[in-house]
């Protein structure tokens, strides 16, 4: 199912030093995080995740595609923090 009320079967856990640990339940919440609280608002995975979440909300992409893209963006953001620590 896609659309504005779409949810993932299991939430995605994200954790960043700037925002702490959070559970994200679907594309709407993911897009809110990507838009408002995301620690690294650049990079290919960030752009893909934002697009995939918008597509899932509009019914053009699957929620599974949005989830995979969001997980990739979270990994990209974690790498961003790891680089800053070294």
C-alpha atoms as a PDB file:
ATOM      1  CA  UNK A   1       0.000   0.000   0.000  1.00  0.00           C
ATOM      2  CA  UNK A   2       1.162   3.502  -0.701  1.00  0.00           C
ATOM      3  CA  UNK A   3      -0.402   6.896  -0.121  1.00  0.00           C
ATOM      4  CA  UNK A   4      -0.444   9.405   2.709  1.00  0.00           C
ATOM      5  CA  UNK A   5      -1.336   6.857   5.414  1.00  0.00           C
ATOM      6  CA  UNK A   6       1.190   4.213   4.344  1.00  0.00           C
ATOM      7  CA  UNK A   7       3.140   2.480   7.102  1.00  0.00           C
ATOM      8  CA  UNK A   8       6.021   0.050   7.137  1.00  0.00           C
ATOM      9  CA  UNK A   9       5.492  -3.366   8.694  1.00  0.00           C
ATOM     10  CA  UNK A  10       8.273  -2.639  11.156  1.00  0.00           C
ATOM     11  CA  UNK A  11       9.572   0.856  12.039  1.00  0.00           C
ATOM     12  CA  UNK A  12      13.066   1.924  11.030  1.00  0.00           C
ATOM     13  CA  UNK A  13      15.288   2.868  13.967  1.00  0.00           C
ATOM     14  CA  UNK A  14      17.565   5.843  13.419  1.00  0.00           C
ATOM     15  CA  UNK A  15      20.076   7.352  15.799  1.00  0.00           C
ATOM     16  CA  UNK A  16      22.223  10.423  15.345  1.00  0.00           C
ATOM     17  CA  UNK A  17      24.209  12.442  17.880  1.00  0.00           C
ATOM     18  CA  UNK A  18      22.153  15.544  17.076  1.00  0.00           C
ATOM     19  CA  UNK A  19      18.679  13.993  17.474  1.00  0.00           C
ATOM     20  CA  UNK A  20      19.125  10.806  19.501  1.00  0.00           C
ATOM     21  CA  UNK A  21      17.334   7.544  18.832  1.00  0.00           C
ATOM     22  CA  UNK A  22      13.972   7.549  17.067  1.00  0.00           C
ATOM     23  CA  UNK A  23      11.551   5.131  15.426  1.00  0.00           C
ATOM     24  CA  UNK A  24      10.199   6.041  11.976  1.00  0.00           C
ATOM     25  CA  UNK A  25       6.960   4.255  11.006  1.00  0.00           C
ATOM     26  CA  UNK A  26       6.485   5.158   7.353  1.00  0.00           C
ATOM     27  CA  UNK A  27       7.189   7.467   4.431  1.00  0.00           C
ATOM     28  CA  UNK A  28       5.361  10.466   5.932  1.00  0.00           C
ATOM     29  CA  UNK A  29       7.452  10.397   9.113  1.00  0.00           C
ATOM     30  CA  UNK A  30      10.589   9.670   7.091  1.00  0.00           C
ATOM     31  CA  UNK A  31       9.984  12.680   4.861  1.00  0.00           C
ATOM     32  CA  UNK A  32       9.429  14.859   7.934  1.00  0.00           C
ATOM     33  CA  UNK A  33      12.787  13.727   9.345  1.00  0.00           C
ATOM     34  CA  UNK A  34      14.547  14.214   6.020  1.00  0.00           C
ATOM     35  CA  UNK A  35      13.088  17.695   5.669  1.00  0.00           C
ATOM     36  CA  UNK A  36      13.360  19.019   9.231  1.00  0.00           C
ATOM     37  CA  UNK A  37      15.872  17.091  11.316  1.00  0.00           C
ATOM     38  CA  UNK A  38      18.266  15.377   8.949  1.00  0.00           C
ATOM     39  CA  UNK A  39      21.906  15.851   9.922  1.00  0.00           C
ATOM     40  CA  UNK A  40      23.360  15.658   6.406  1.00  0.00           C
ATOM     41  CA  UNK A  41      21.000  17.228   3.878  1.00  0.00           C
ATOM     42  CA  UNK A  42      23.095  16.426   0.864  1.00  0.00           C
ATOM     43  CA  UNK A  43      24.295  13.314  -0.848  1.00  0.00           C
ATOM     44  CA  UNK A  44      22.779  10.978  -3.377  1.00  0.00           C
ATOM     45  CA  UNK A  45      21.056   8.680  -0.858  1.00  0.00           C
ATOM     46  CA  UNK A  46      19.439  11.668   0.886  1.00  0.00           C
ATOM     47  CA  UNK A  47      18.043  12.928  -2.432  1.00  0.00           C
ATOM     48  CA  UNK A  48      16.836   9.451  -3.424  1.00  0.00           C
ATOM     49  CA  UNK A  49      15.139   8.908  -0.053  1.00  0.00           C
ATOM     50  CA  UNK A  50      13.357  12.242  -0.176  1.00  0.00           C
ATOM     51  CA  UNK A  51      12.130  11.468  -3.701  1.00  0.00           C
ATOM     52  CA  UNK A  52      11.081   7.893  -2.843  1.00  0.00           C
ATOM     53  CA  UNK A  53       9.149   9.008   0.243  1.00  0.00           C
ATOM     54  CA  UNK A  54       7.361  11.699  -1.747  1.00  0.00           C
ATOM     55  CA  UNK A  55       6.589   9.117  -4.431  1.00  0.00           C
ATOM     56  CA  UNK A  56       5.203   6.651  -1.881  1.00  0.00           C
ATOM     57  CA  UNK A  57       2.983   9.345  -0.373  1.00  0.00           C
ATOM     58  CA  UNK A  58       1.677  10.234  -3.832  1.00  0.00           C
ATOM     59  CA  UNK A  59       1.101   6.573  -4.707  1.00  0.00           C
ATOM     60  CA  UNK A  60       3.782   6.432  -7.424  1.00  0.00           C
ATOM     61  CA  UNK A  61       6.365   4.386  -5.483  1.00  0.00           C
ATOM     62  CA  UNK A  62       6.022   1.453  -3.133  1.00  0.00           C
ATOM     63  CA  UNK A  63       6.493   1.848   0.601  1.00  0.00           C
ATOM     64  CA  UNK A  64       9.198  -0.829   0.345  1.00  0.00           C
ATOM     65  CA  UNK A  65      11.147   1.356  -2.104  1.00  0.00           C
ATOM     66  CA  UNK A  66      10.756   4.314   0.257  1.00  0.00           C
ATOM     67  CA  UNK A  67      11.945   2.244   3.216  1.00  0.00           C
ATOM     68  CA  UNK A  68      15.032   0.972   1.381  1.00  0.00           C
ATOM     69  CA  UNK A  69      15.903   4.492   0.241  1.00  0.00           C
ATOM     70  CA  UNK A  70      15.388   5.882   3.762  1.00  0.00           C
ATOM     71  CA  UNK A  71      17.612   3.184   5.277  1.00  0.00           C
ATOM     72  CA  UNK A  72      20.319   4.013   2.708  1.00  0.00           C
ATOM     73  CA  UNK A  73      20.049   7.717   3.589  1.00  0.00           C
ATOM     74  CA  UNK A  74      20.378   6.888   7.286  1.00  0.00           C
ATOM     75  CA  UNK A  75      23.532   4.885   6.576  1.00  0.00           C
ATOM     76  CA  UNK A  76      24.876   7.786   4.495  1.00  0.00           C
ATOM     77  CA  UNK A  77      24.205  10.214   7.363  1.00  0.00           C
ATOM     78  CA  UNK A  78      25.972   7.903   9.848  1.00  0.00           C
ATOM     79  CA  UNK A  79      29.017   7.844   7.542  1.00  0.00           C
ATOM     80  CA  UNK A  80      28.884  11.649   7.538  1.00  0.00           C
ATOM     81  CA  UNK A  81      29.145  11.652  11.354  1.00  0.00           C
ATOM     82  CA  UNK A  82      31.908   9.042  11.324  1.00  0.00           C
ATOM     83  CA  UNK A  83      33.982  11.212   8.955  1.00  0.00           C
ATOM     84  CA  UNK A  84      33.489  14.251  11.175  1.00  0.00           C
ATOM     85  CA  UNK A  85      34.774  12.352  14.234  1.00  0.00           C
ATOM     86  CA  UNK A  86      38.044  11.364  12.548  1.00  0.00           C
END
